[in-house]
Structure formats: C-alpha cells, structure tokens
N, C-alpha and C. Protein backbone atom coordinates (compact mmCIF):
# COMPACT_ATOMS: atom_id res chain seq x y z
N MET A 1 15.28 96.49 80.37
CA MET A 1 16.09 96.94 79.42
C MET A 1 17.16 96.51 78.82
N SER A 2 17.55 95.31 79.31
CA SER A 2 18.63 94.34 78.74
C SER A 2 17.88 94.04 77.31
N GLU A 3 16.99 93.76 77.45
CA GLU A 3 16.02 92.79 76.15
C GLU A 3 15.87 93.78 75.08
N HIS A 4 15.57 95.07 75.65
CA HIS A 4 15.23 95.92 74.38
C HIS A 4 16.43 96.26 73.60
N SER A 5 17.56 96.37 74.58
CA SER A 5 18.91 96.69 73.99
C SER A 5 19.26 95.72 72.94
N ALA A 6 19.29 94.47 73.67
CA ALA A 6 19.33 92.99 72.45
C ALA A 6 18.29 93.16 71.42
N GLY A 7 17.14 93.42 71.48
CA GLY A 7 16.26 93.98 70.62
C GLY A 7 16.84 94.36 69.21
N GLY A 8 16.90 95.71 69.93
CA GLY A 8 17.21 96.85 69.19
C GLY A 8 19.15 96.76 68.16
N LEU A 9 19.52 95.87 69.19
CA LEU A 9 20.78 95.44 68.56
C LEU A 9 20.93 94.27 67.12
N SER A 10 20.00 93.34 67.56
CA SER A 10 19.46 92.83 66.22
C SER A 10 18.90 93.62 65.04
N VAL A 11 17.86 94.34 65.56
CA VAL A 11 16.76 95.21 64.13
C VAL A 11 18.20 95.57 63.42
N ARG A 12 19.07 96.68 64.56
CA ARG A 12 20.33 97.34 63.77
C ARG A 12 20.96 96.52 62.53
N SER A 13 21.35 95.63 63.29
CA SER A 13 22.23 94.24 62.66
C SER A 13 21.44 94.07 61.30
N ALA A 14 20.27 93.62 61.36
CA ALA A 14 19.41 93.17 60.63
C ALA A 14 19.44 94.07 59.30
N LEU A 15 19.26 95.39 59.70
CA LEU A 15 19.67 96.36 58.75
C LEU A 15 20.62 96.92 58.01
N ALA A 16 21.79 96.49 58.50
CA ALA A 16 22.87 96.82 58.33
C ALA A 16 23.45 95.45 57.52
N MET A 17 22.99 94.47 57.37
CA MET A 17 23.21 93.39 56.36
C MET A 17 22.09 93.59 55.16
N VAL A 18 20.98 94.16 55.17
CA VAL A 18 20.39 94.59 54.11
C VAL A 18 20.97 95.76 53.52
N VAL A 19 21.27 96.81 53.91
CA VAL A 19 21.50 97.79 53.54
C VAL A 19 22.79 97.23 52.66
N PHE A 20 23.97 96.34 53.22
CA PHE A 20 25.18 95.96 52.59
C PHE A 20 24.75 95.49 51.37
N THR A 21 23.91 94.06 51.45
CA THR A 21 23.42 93.54 50.63
C THR A 21 23.10 94.25 49.26
N VAL A 22 21.87 95.40 49.65
CA VAL A 22 21.71 96.18 48.40
C VAL A 22 22.76 97.09 47.85
N VAL A 23 23.86 97.63 48.54
CA VAL A 23 24.55 97.99 48.13
C VAL A 23 25.38 97.17 47.27
N PHE A 24 26.18 96.07 47.89
CA PHE A 24 26.89 94.83 47.17
C PHE A 24 26.27 94.94 46.14
N THR A 25 24.78 94.44 46.19
CA THR A 25 24.37 93.65 44.45
C THR A 25 24.11 95.18 43.83
N ALA A 26 24.10 96.07 44.03
CA ALA A 26 24.03 97.64 42.98
C ALA A 26 25.18 97.87 42.60
N VAL A 27 26.46 97.52 43.29
CA VAL A 27 27.68 97.68 42.82
C VAL A 27 28.05 96.64 41.78
N MET A 28 27.91 95.37 41.96
CA MET A 28 28.22 94.05 41.42
C MET A 28 27.03 94.21 39.91
N ALA A 29 26.09 94.41 39.98
CA ALA A 29 25.66 95.17 39.00
C ALA A 29 26.01 96.10 37.70
N ALA A 30 26.32 97.35 38.49
CA ALA A 30 26.96 98.06 37.53
C ALA A 30 27.98 97.60 37.22
N VAL A 31 29.04 96.97 38.01
CA VAL A 31 30.35 96.46 37.07
C VAL A 31 29.74 95.68 36.28
N TYR A 32 29.03 94.78 36.18
CA TYR A 32 28.67 93.73 34.97
C TYR A 32 28.04 94.66 33.92
N LEU A 33 27.35 95.66 33.97
CA LEU A 33 26.92 96.38 32.82
C LEU A 33 28.21 97.20 32.44
N LEU A 34 28.87 97.87 33.14
CA LEU A 34 29.85 98.67 32.60
C LEU A 34 30.95 97.24 31.65
N THR A 35 31.33 96.13 32.33
CA THR A 35 32.10 95.54 31.45
C THR A 35 31.33 95.23 30.19
N LEU A 36 30.39 94.37 30.30
CA LEU A 36 29.51 94.05 29.42
C LEU A 36 29.93 93.89 27.90
N ALA A 37 29.99 95.56 27.41
CA ALA A 37 30.27 95.62 26.15
C ALA A 37 32.13 95.51 26.04
N PRO A 38 32.58 95.55 26.74
CA PRO A 38 33.91 95.60 26.34
C PRO A 38 34.49 94.22 26.57
N ILE A 39 33.61 93.16 27.05
CA ILE A 39 33.93 91.78 27.45
C ILE A 39 33.44 91.19 25.77
N ALA A 40 32.34 91.69 25.65
CA ALA A 40 31.75 91.54 24.21
C ALA A 40 32.76 91.97 22.50
N ARG A 41 33.22 93.16 22.69
CA ARG A 41 34.33 93.63 22.04
C ARG A 41 35.52 92.38 21.88
N SER A 42 36.09 92.19 23.28
CA SER A 42 37.52 91.68 22.93
C SER A 42 37.09 90.11 22.67
N ALA A 43 36.04 88.89 23.24
CA ALA A 43 35.38 87.76 22.25
C ALA A 43 35.26 88.07 21.42
N LYS A 44 34.81 89.21 20.54
CA LYS A 44 34.33 89.15 19.29
C LYS A 44 35.89 89.51 18.39
N ALA A 45 36.99 90.36 18.98
CA ALA A 45 38.35 90.40 18.58
C ALA A 45 38.97 89.28 18.28
N GLU A 46 38.83 88.63 19.51
CA GLU A 46 39.46 87.33 19.65
C GLU A 46 38.71 86.33 18.52
N LYS A 47 37.81 86.04 18.52
CA LYS A 47 37.31 85.14 17.42
C LYS A 47 37.36 85.39 16.01
N LEU A 48 37.79 86.86 15.61
CA LEU A 48 38.22 87.31 14.52
C LEU A 48 39.47 87.27 14.12
N LEU A 49 40.64 86.87 14.99
CA LEU A 49 42.16 86.49 15.01
C LEU A 49 42.31 85.20 14.95
N LEU A 50 41.20 84.64 15.09
CA LEU A 50 41.33 82.90 14.90
C LEU A 50 40.93 82.84 13.89
N ILE A 51 39.66 83.82 13.02
CA ILE A 51 39.35 83.53 11.87
C ILE A 51 40.26 83.94 10.75
N ASP A 52 40.87 84.68 10.98
CA ASP A 52 41.99 85.33 10.28
C ASP A 52 43.17 84.39 9.82
N GLN A 53 43.50 83.35 10.79
CA GLN A 53 44.10 82.44 10.04
C GLN A 53 43.89 81.60 9.32
N ILE A 54 42.72 81.41 9.08
CA ILE A 54 42.37 80.48 7.80
C ILE A 54 41.81 81.46 6.65
N LEU A 55 41.12 82.49 7.30
CA LEU A 55 40.41 83.27 6.00
C LEU A 55 41.10 84.45 5.94
N PRO A 56 41.55 84.86 4.70
CA PRO A 56 42.02 86.40 4.15
C PRO A 56 41.09 87.23 4.21
N ARG A 57 41.35 88.33 4.60
CA ARG A 57 40.07 89.58 5.04
C ARG A 57 40.05 90.17 3.88
N GLU A 58 41.34 89.82 2.80
CA GLU A 58 40.99 90.44 1.34
C GLU A 58 39.79 89.74 0.41
N LEU A 59 39.52 88.57 1.21
CA LEU A 59 38.50 87.81 0.42
C LEU A 59 37.24 88.10 0.59
N TYR A 60 37.41 89.02 1.86
CA TYR A 60 35.72 89.58 1.86
C TYR A 60 35.38 90.85 2.55
N ASP A 61 34.56 91.82 2.26
CA ASP A 61 34.19 93.22 2.70
C ASP A 61 32.76 93.19 3.51
N ASN A 62 32.27 91.92 4.42
CA ASN A 62 31.35 92.33 5.15
C ASN A 62 31.71 92.19 6.32
N ALA A 63 30.32 92.56 7.16
CA ALA A 63 30.82 92.19 8.82
C ALA A 63 30.72 90.87 8.74
N LEU A 64 31.28 90.16 9.15
CA LEU A 64 31.73 88.74 9.02
C LEU A 64 30.99 88.25 10.17
N LEU A 65 31.69 88.58 11.64
CA LEU A 65 30.74 88.15 12.47
C LEU A 65 29.38 88.60 12.82
N ASP A 66 28.82 89.64 11.72
CA ASP A 66 27.72 90.02 12.06
C ASP A 66 26.55 88.74 10.94
N ASP A 67 27.14 88.50 10.05
CA ASP A 67 26.19 87.77 8.91
C ASP A 67 26.46 86.07 9.49
N VAL A 68 25.81 85.57 10.31
CA VAL A 68 25.61 84.22 10.90
C VAL A 68 24.50 83.70 10.48
N LEU A 69 24.72 82.55 10.44
CA LEU A 69 23.72 81.55 10.04
C LEU A 69 23.84 80.43 11.27
N ALA A 70 22.87 80.26 11.75
CA ALA A 70 22.71 79.52 13.04
C ALA A 70 22.19 77.78 12.86
N LEU A 71 22.91 76.80 13.13
CA LEU A 71 23.07 75.68 12.69
C LEU A 71 21.97 74.88 13.87
N PRO A 72 20.97 74.37 13.65
CA PRO A 72 20.59 73.37 14.52
C PRO A 72 21.51 72.12 14.66
N ALA A 73 21.27 71.38 15.84
CA ALA A 73 21.71 69.99 16.04
C ALA A 73 21.91 69.24 15.00
N THR A 74 23.46 69.19 14.50
CA THR A 74 24.01 68.67 13.18
C THR A 74 24.45 67.64 13.49
N PRO A 75 24.16 66.32 13.41
CA PRO A 75 25.29 65.42 13.75
C PRO A 75 26.07 64.64 12.61
N GLU A 76 26.15 65.25 11.34
CA GLU A 76 26.93 65.45 10.37
C GLU A 76 28.31 66.13 10.74
N LEU A 77 27.94 67.47 11.44
CA LEU A 77 29.40 67.76 12.27
C LEU A 77 29.79 67.67 13.21
N GLY A 78 28.89 67.12 14.15
CA GLY A 78 29.12 66.65 15.44
C GLY A 78 28.54 67.86 16.24
N LEU A 79 27.75 68.17 15.65
CA LEU A 79 27.20 69.74 16.76
C LEU A 79 25.57 69.33 17.42
N GLU A 80 25.92 68.38 18.88
CA GLU A 80 24.92 68.04 19.38
C GLU A 80 24.01 69.51 19.59
N GLN A 81 24.79 70.40 19.95
CA GLN A 81 23.70 71.24 20.57
C GLN A 81 23.96 72.47 19.46
N GLY A 82 23.80 72.24 17.91
CA GLY A 82 23.95 73.32 16.83
C GLY A 82 25.42 74.29 16.65
N GLY A 83 25.36 74.92 16.08
CA GLY A 83 26.30 75.83 16.05
C GLY A 83 26.41 76.58 14.74
N LYS A 84 27.59 77.45 14.20
CA LYS A 84 27.26 78.66 13.48
C LYS A 84 28.24 78.36 12.02
N VAL A 85 27.73 79.14 11.49
CA VAL A 85 28.38 79.37 10.08
C VAL A 85 28.34 80.69 9.83
N TRP A 86 29.53 81.39 9.78
CA TRP A 86 29.70 82.59 9.66
C TRP A 86 29.86 82.93 7.81
N ARG A 87 29.10 83.96 7.33
CA ARG A 87 29.59 83.99 5.49
C ARG A 87 29.92 85.18 5.42
N ALA A 88 30.91 85.39 4.53
CA ALA A 88 31.88 86.03 3.96
C ALA A 88 31.49 86.21 2.76
N ARG A 89 31.58 87.98 2.51
CA ARG A 89 30.95 88.35 1.02
C ARG A 89 31.55 89.51 0.67
N ARG A 90 31.78 89.34 -0.84
CA ARG A 90 32.67 90.28 -1.35
C ARG A 90 31.84 90.97 -2.37
N GLY A 91 31.52 92.48 -2.35
CA GLY A 91 30.61 93.27 -3.11
C GLY A 91 29.49 92.32 -3.10
N GLY A 92 28.89 91.87 -2.30
CA GLY A 92 27.73 91.18 -1.74
C GLY A 92 27.50 89.67 -2.47
N GLN A 93 28.57 89.33 -3.01
CA GLN A 93 28.64 88.13 -3.28
C GLN A 93 28.94 86.83 -2.36
N PRO A 94 28.80 85.73 -2.64
CA PRO A 94 29.31 84.63 -1.23
C PRO A 94 30.63 84.81 -1.89
N ALA A 95 31.72 84.49 -0.98
CA ALA A 95 32.66 84.26 -1.43
C ALA A 95 33.05 83.13 -0.46
N ALA A 96 33.50 82.66 0.70
CA ALA A 96 33.07 82.01 1.40
C ALA A 96 32.59 81.54 2.44
N ILE A 97 32.93 80.47 3.57
CA ILE A 97 32.09 80.44 4.58
C ILE A 97 32.66 80.00 6.03
N VAL A 98 32.63 80.21 7.01
CA VAL A 98 33.79 79.56 8.21
C VAL A 98 32.77 78.56 9.07
N ILE A 99 32.63 77.49 9.23
CA ILE A 99 32.08 76.65 9.59
C ILE A 99 32.13 75.90 10.88
N GLU A 100 31.48 75.79 12.10
CA GLU A 100 31.87 75.39 13.28
C GLU A 100 32.00 73.70 13.41
N ALA A 101 32.19 73.12 13.84
CA ALA A 101 32.42 71.32 13.65
C ALA A 101 32.89 70.75 15.02
N VAL A 102 32.83 69.34 15.49
CA VAL A 102 33.20 68.94 16.26
C VAL A 102 33.88 67.34 15.94
N ALA A 103 34.76 66.82 16.20
CA ALA A 103 35.13 65.64 16.14
C ALA A 103 35.39 65.10 17.12
N PRO A 104 33.90 63.96 17.64
CA PRO A 104 33.40 63.49 18.69
C PRO A 104 34.91 62.31 19.18
N ASP A 105 35.32 62.04 18.14
CA ASP A 105 36.79 60.63 18.49
C ASP A 105 38.05 61.47 18.75
N GLY A 106 38.18 62.23 19.06
CA GLY A 106 39.60 62.18 19.89
C GLY A 106 39.88 61.28 21.07
N TYR A 107 41.75 61.48 21.40
CA TYR A 107 41.75 60.74 22.12
C TYR A 107 41.13 60.90 23.66
N SER A 108 41.09 62.22 23.71
CA SER A 108 40.50 62.49 25.18
C SER A 108 38.87 63.09 24.91
N GLY A 109 38.42 63.10 24.11
CA GLY A 109 36.75 63.38 23.82
C GLY A 109 36.86 64.60 22.64
N ASN A 110 35.89 65.42 22.35
CA ASN A 110 35.79 65.94 21.49
C ASN A 110 36.94 67.04 21.51
N ILE A 111 36.99 67.43 20.34
CA ILE A 111 37.72 68.25 19.55
C ILE A 111 36.79 69.46 18.95
N SER A 112 36.99 70.43 18.85
CA SER A 112 36.06 71.80 18.15
C SER A 112 37.09 72.20 17.35
N LEU A 113 36.43 73.00 16.30
CA LEU A 113 37.15 72.96 15.08
C LEU A 113 36.55 74.02 14.06
N ILE A 114 37.21 74.92 13.56
CA ILE A 114 36.08 76.00 12.41
C ILE A 114 36.64 75.57 11.10
N VAL A 115 36.22 75.48 10.08
CA VAL A 115 37.07 75.05 8.98
C VAL A 115 36.37 76.45 7.79
N ALA A 116 37.29 76.94 7.53
CA ALA A 116 36.56 77.79 5.79
C ALA A 116 36.85 77.28 4.55
N VAL A 117 35.70 77.31 4.18
CA VAL A 117 35.63 76.59 2.60
C VAL A 117 35.17 77.60 1.77
N SER A 118 35.97 78.03 0.65
CA SER A 118 35.74 78.75 -0.32
C SER A 118 34.23 78.61 -1.36
N ALA A 119 33.65 79.71 -1.53
CA ALA A 119 32.68 79.46 -2.43
C ALA A 119 32.95 78.37 -3.87
N ASP A 120 34.30 78.42 -4.43
CA ASP A 120 34.14 77.47 -5.71
C ASP A 120 34.84 75.66 -4.92
N GLY A 121 34.63 75.85 -3.74
CA GLY A 121 34.77 74.38 -3.33
C GLY A 121 35.97 74.23 -2.85
N HIS A 122 37.10 75.18 -2.32
CA HIS A 122 38.59 74.77 -1.84
C HIS A 122 38.39 74.82 -0.26
N LEU A 123 39.10 74.03 -0.05
CA LEU A 123 39.14 74.22 1.84
C LEU A 123 40.30 75.31 2.05
N LEU A 124 39.96 76.17 2.90
CA LEU A 124 40.58 77.56 2.72
C LEU A 124 41.88 77.39 4.18
N GLY A 125 41.18 76.61 5.15
CA GLY A 125 42.08 76.01 5.91
C GLY A 125 40.91 75.71 7.47
N THR A 126 41.67 75.36 8.59
CA THR A 126 40.93 74.65 9.53
C THR A 126 41.86 75.18 10.80
N ARG A 127 41.26 75.32 11.99
CA ARG A 127 41.73 75.50 13.28
C ARG A 127 40.73 74.44 14.36
N VAL A 128 41.88 74.10 15.34
CA VAL A 128 41.29 73.60 16.44
C VAL A 128 41.01 74.68 17.21
N THR A 129 39.46 74.78 18.18
CA THR A 129 39.48 76.00 18.95
C THR A 129 39.37 75.27 20.53
N GLU A 130 39.23 73.88 20.39
CA GLU A 130 39.30 73.31 21.68
C GLU A 130 39.35 72.18 21.76
N HIS A 131 40.47 71.55 22.44
CA HIS A 131 40.73 70.07 22.71
C HIS A 131 41.38 69.63 23.94
N ARG A 132 40.88 68.45 24.72
CA ARG A 132 41.85 67.99 25.55
C ARG A 132 42.65 66.60 25.37
N GLU A 133 43.47 66.79 23.87
CA GLU A 133 44.30 65.74 23.97
C GLU A 133 45.64 65.53 24.65
N THR A 134 46.12 64.51 24.70
CA THR A 134 47.53 64.20 25.50
C THR A 134 48.67 65.16 25.19
N PRO A 135 49.28 66.10 26.11
CA PRO A 135 50.05 66.88 25.86
C PRO A 135 51.38 65.84 25.37
N GLY A 136 51.91 66.74 24.47
CA GLY A 136 53.38 66.18 23.77
C GLY A 136 52.69 65.05 22.58
N LEU A 137 51.32 64.62 22.52
CA LEU A 137 50.99 63.86 21.55
C LEU A 137 50.05 64.07 20.63
N GLY A 138 49.20 64.04 20.88
CA GLY A 138 47.90 65.21 20.14
C GLY A 138 47.99 66.75 19.99
N ASP A 139 49.24 67.41 20.98
CA ASP A 139 48.90 68.76 20.78
C ASP A 139 49.34 69.34 19.61
N TYR A 140 49.91 68.88 18.52
CA TYR A 140 50.09 69.03 17.10
C TYR A 140 49.16 69.46 16.30
N ILE A 141 48.10 68.94 16.71
CA ILE A 141 46.89 69.25 16.03
C ILE A 141 46.29 71.20 16.00
N ASP A 142 47.16 71.62 16.93
CA ASP A 142 47.28 72.76 17.03
C ASP A 142 48.16 73.55 16.72
N PRO A 143 48.62 74.60 15.81
CA PRO A 143 49.67 75.24 15.25
C PRO A 143 50.00 75.85 16.62
N LYS A 144 49.71 76.19 17.77
CA LYS A 144 50.31 77.17 18.82
C LYS A 144 51.27 76.22 19.48
N LYS A 145 50.93 75.05 19.80
CA LYS A 145 51.61 73.97 19.93
C LYS A 145 52.63 73.44 19.17
N ASP A 146 52.10 73.22 17.97
CA ASP A 146 52.85 72.22 17.07
C ASP A 146 54.28 72.97 16.94
N LYS A 147 55.41 71.75 17.37
CA LYS A 147 56.68 72.21 17.32
C LYS A 147 57.11 72.75 15.61
N ASN A 148 56.76 72.47 14.61
CA ASN A 148 56.92 72.47 13.36
C ASN A 148 56.27 73.99 13.10
N LYS A 149 56.68 75.19 13.50
CA LYS A 149 56.36 76.43 13.40
C LYS A 149 55.74 76.76 11.57
N ALA A 150 57.19 76.18 10.74
CA ALA A 150 57.08 76.58 9.64
C ALA A 150 56.45 75.88 8.68
N HIS A 151 55.86 74.51 9.17
CA HIS A 151 54.89 73.98 8.34
C HIS A 151 53.69 72.99 9.05
N PRO A 152 53.17 73.44 9.99
CA PRO A 152 52.72 72.91 11.03
C PRO A 152 51.56 72.23 10.41
N TRP A 153 51.10 70.93 10.87
CA TRP A 153 50.07 69.87 10.68
C TRP A 153 48.92 70.46 10.04
N ILE A 154 48.91 70.91 11.15
CA ILE A 154 47.11 71.50 10.70
C ILE A 154 46.88 72.53 9.05
N ALA A 155 48.41 72.72 8.36
CA ALA A 155 47.91 73.46 7.33
C ALA A 155 48.18 72.73 5.95
N GLN A 156 47.96 71.25 6.44
CA GLN A 156 47.89 70.49 5.17
C GLN A 156 46.73 70.42 4.31
N PHE A 157 45.75 70.88 5.38
CA PHE A 157 44.42 71.16 4.65
C PHE A 157 44.04 72.23 3.56
N GLU A 158 44.69 72.92 3.65
CA GLU A 158 44.52 74.45 3.15
C GLU A 158 44.66 74.22 1.55
N GLY A 159 43.80 74.29 0.73
CA GLY A 159 43.51 74.14 -0.83
C GLY A 159 43.48 73.05 -1.19
N LYS A 160 42.85 72.18 -0.17
CA LYS A 160 42.12 70.79 -0.99
C LYS A 160 40.69 71.05 -1.50
N SER A 161 40.29 70.08 -2.35
CA SER A 161 39.41 70.53 -2.83
C SER A 161 38.24 69.61 -1.94
N ALA A 162 37.06 70.08 -2.82
CA ALA A 162 36.07 69.10 -1.94
C ALA A 162 35.68 67.85 -3.08
N ASP A 163 36.55 67.80 -4.16
CA ASP A 163 36.25 67.21 -5.44
C ASP A 163 37.17 65.41 -4.97
N LEU A 164 37.76 65.72 -3.65
CA LEU A 164 38.73 64.78 -3.28
C LEU A 164 37.74 63.45 -2.89
N PRO A 165 37.95 62.10 -3.61
CA PRO A 165 36.96 60.85 -2.77
C PRO A 165 36.92 61.06 -1.11
N PRO A 166 35.73 60.70 -0.45
CA PRO A 166 35.53 60.25 0.90
C PRO A 166 36.83 59.51 1.22
N THR A 167 37.25 58.91 1.00
CA THR A 167 38.19 57.62 0.92
C THR A 167 39.95 58.51 1.57
N ALA A 168 39.70 59.48 0.96
CA ALA A 168 40.96 60.33 0.56
C ALA A 168 41.00 61.29 1.88
N TRP A 169 40.04 61.75 2.74
CA TRP A 169 39.94 62.39 3.90
C TRP A 169 40.39 61.44 5.15
N SER A 170 41.42 61.14 5.22
CA SER A 170 41.77 60.26 6.40
C SER A 170 43.44 60.56 6.07
N VAL A 171 44.41 59.92 7.42
CA VAL A 171 45.83 60.02 7.29
C VAL A 171 46.16 58.70 6.41
N LYS A 172 47.67 59.17 6.18
CA LYS A 172 48.12 58.24 4.99
C LYS A 172 47.97 56.60 5.99
N LYS A 173 48.02 56.28 7.17
CA LYS A 173 47.98 54.93 7.68
C LYS A 173 46.85 54.16 7.60
N ASP A 174 45.28 55.45 7.34
CA ASP A 174 44.27 54.72 6.85
C ASP A 174 44.21 54.46 5.66
N GLY A 175 45.09 54.90 4.67
CA GLY A 175 44.70 55.19 3.40
C GLY A 175 44.46 56.36 2.69
N GLY A 176 44.50 57.20 3.32
CA GLY A 176 44.28 59.06 3.17
C GLY A 176 45.51 59.60 2.49
N VAL A 177 45.29 60.47 2.44
CA VAL A 177 46.15 61.21 2.19
C VAL A 177 47.23 62.49 2.88
N PHE A 178 46.61 62.13 3.99
CA PHE A 178 46.87 63.32 5.12
C PHE A 178 48.07 62.74 6.17
N ASP A 179 49.01 63.53 6.34
CA ASP A 179 50.30 63.06 7.32
C ASP A 179 50.09 62.93 8.20
N TYR A 180 50.71 62.28 9.38
CA TYR A 180 50.45 62.16 11.04
C TYR A 180 51.51 61.92 11.49
N SER A 181 51.30 61.98 12.53
CA SER A 181 53.16 61.69 13.71
C SER A 181 52.92 60.41 14.43
N THR A 182 54.01 59.36 13.88
CA THR A 182 54.19 58.02 14.41
C THR A 182 53.76 57.95 15.85
N GLY A 183 52.84 57.33 16.42
CA GLY A 183 52.84 57.24 17.58
C GLY A 183 51.69 58.14 18.26
N ALA A 184 51.04 58.90 17.52
CA ALA A 184 50.10 59.89 17.98
C ALA A 184 49.13 60.12 16.60
N THR A 185 48.34 58.62 16.43
CA THR A 185 47.40 58.76 14.93
C THR A 185 46.07 59.11 15.35
N ILE A 186 45.39 59.06 16.59
CA ILE A 186 43.92 59.14 17.06
C ILE A 186 43.76 60.80 17.03
N SER A 187 44.31 61.48 17.12
CA SER A 187 43.92 62.97 17.11
C SER A 187 43.95 63.42 15.57
N PRO A 188 45.34 62.93 15.06
CA PRO A 188 45.03 63.68 13.69
C PRO A 188 43.78 62.78 12.62
N ARG A 189 43.69 61.68 13.04
CA ARG A 189 42.76 61.17 12.43
C ARG A 189 41.16 61.59 12.86
N ALA A 190 41.25 61.71 14.03
CA ALA A 190 39.44 62.42 14.17
C ALA A 190 39.64 63.74 13.61
N VAL A 191 40.49 64.73 13.54
CA VAL A 191 40.43 66.02 12.59
C VAL A 191 39.98 65.74 11.52
N THR A 192 41.16 64.89 11.01
CA THR A 192 41.10 64.72 9.24
C THR A 192 39.40 64.59 9.14
N HIS A 193 39.22 63.46 9.53
CA HIS A 193 37.56 62.92 9.49
C HIS A 193 36.62 63.73 9.75
N ALA A 194 37.27 64.47 10.40
CA ALA A 194 36.03 65.47 10.69
C ALA A 194 35.85 66.83 9.54
N VAL A 195 37.10 67.03 9.04
CA VAL A 195 37.11 68.03 8.34
C VAL A 195 36.70 67.58 7.05
N GLY A 196 36.91 65.97 6.67
CA GLY A 196 36.16 65.48 5.16
C GLY A 196 35.01 65.57 5.67
N ARG A 197 34.29 65.36 6.81
CA ARG A 197 32.53 65.52 7.13
C ARG A 197 32.04 66.89 7.23
N VAL A 198 32.79 67.92 7.33
CA VAL A 198 32.68 69.41 6.65
C VAL A 198 32.27 69.65 5.32
N VAL A 199 33.44 69.03 4.41
CA VAL A 199 33.57 69.44 3.44
C VAL A 199 32.14 68.36 2.32
N ALA A 200 32.07 67.66 3.08
CA ALA A 200 30.68 66.82 2.44
C ALA A 200 29.29 67.27 2.81
N TYR A 201 29.50 68.10 3.78
CA TYR A 201 28.19 68.67 4.31
C TYR A 201 28.19 69.64 3.53
N VAL A 202 29.06 70.86 3.65
CA VAL A 202 29.07 72.14 2.46
C VAL A 202 28.49 72.06 1.10
N SER A 203 29.55 70.48 0.74
CA SER A 203 28.75 70.60 -0.33
C SER A 203 27.52 69.88 -1.16
N ALA A 204 26.54 69.40 0.22
CA ALA A 204 25.51 68.88 -0.08
C ALA A 204 24.52 70.13 0.19
N HIS A 205 24.91 70.99 0.90
CA HIS A 205 24.06 72.13 1.65
C HIS A 205 24.46 73.33 0.98
N ARG A 206 25.40 73.13 0.01
CA ARG A 206 25.81 74.60 -0.50
C ARG A 206 24.72 75.66 -1.02
N ASP A 207 23.20 75.59 -1.44
CA ASP A 207 22.76 76.38 -1.63
C ASP A 207 22.37 77.25 -0.60
N THR A 208 21.99 76.79 0.79
CA THR A 208 21.91 77.20 2.24
C THR A 208 23.08 77.66 2.25
N LEU A 209 23.92 77.62 2.54
CA LEU A 209 25.42 77.97 3.15
C LEU A 209 25.77 79.03 2.80
N PHE A 210 25.67 78.99 1.05
CA PHE A 210 26.27 80.39 0.59
C PHE A 210 24.95 81.05 -0.07
N ARG A 211 24.13 81.29 0.73
CA ARG A 211 23.10 81.81 0.03
C ARG A 211 23.06 83.68 0.30
C-alpha cells in the first residue's frame, strides 16, 4: 500500500512538473512575442536618435534605416564581422551615407563608430557608439561624457573634406590637423585614424556606397 502511495506521489509530482514547465514555457514565449515588436521599435528609435546627431533630417526624405547596405568583413574599416551602411536620399537621389567602422587600437581595445559622409565628399560628423576607454581620460571622445559641451572634441570632424591628404587624418602631435587632450592621446589618435580610413574607403567605393 505504501509502495503504491509512494509511486502515485511520484507520478503526480512528475505530472505537476510537466504542467508547470509547459505553462511557464508558454508564458515566456507569449511575453517574448508580445515584447519583440516594442523592443525592435525602441532599438530603431535609439539608432535614429544617434544618427540624428550627425545627419540632419532635412538632408533626406527616405526611410533611412530601411535603406541599408550590408558590408562583409572589411579590414579597412576594422569590421571583422561586417557592418552596415545606411543610405540617405532626397527626392530619390543619394544625399549621404552613415557607415559603421571600428578603431581597433584604442587604449582598451575596440572603439566602435558611425560616420556620416555627404554625397559631395564632406564629413558630416561622427559618433562613438561603444568603447571601454579609461574613464576621465579617453572619455572625451564621447560627447555625452566630454566636459566641453559647447565644443566637444568629436565635433571637429564636421565639415572636413575627403580632399584632405592622408597625413592630415591624425592628431596634431603626430603632424595631423586634429586637436587632442594632453596626456590622453591614444583614444583620439585611434578615432582620428579610423575616421580617416572611413573617408578613404568611401572615396574608393563611392559608386557602390552611393548607388
């Protein structure tokens, strides 16, 4: 009798666990499906807010994030896993692109960037999207952390032409034209070199990127 009771208890426990697992999995799946679209919309809005900082909306009238070109692994841009190019158009004509790049030589590793370049070859702006640079030293490459809110360091790239010679795409300490903060050269040097490589890449692949 006791064996039957023990066996019955085991079966009931197992069934309860199965029911719990099925119900829990179904609830988790439902939550995932319900939040999938809002999360995607939130990520899209966040991406546009960042792009808005370097690419004025009045320059284009297409659905920017839907007009995307996938890049394969591109060593010139530091993109080991590939990247994206968003193409801005106005009246159906190419107006600018926003392109991803990575500076692999930051003080603490990779510094991820987006760079906006107009169809006439001018650099509209750049923003750091991810980095692990030393707080208080390399932070000023990120305008959110740059103490100079009126003239953040990263803003000096705006309006620069692709016609600048390659040697100009460096900090002044190395003979280039870009400012840096004394005692914190590695981060701005890495970003400046990466932006220079982006400009060179865009010039070399202009027909494909602005198609």
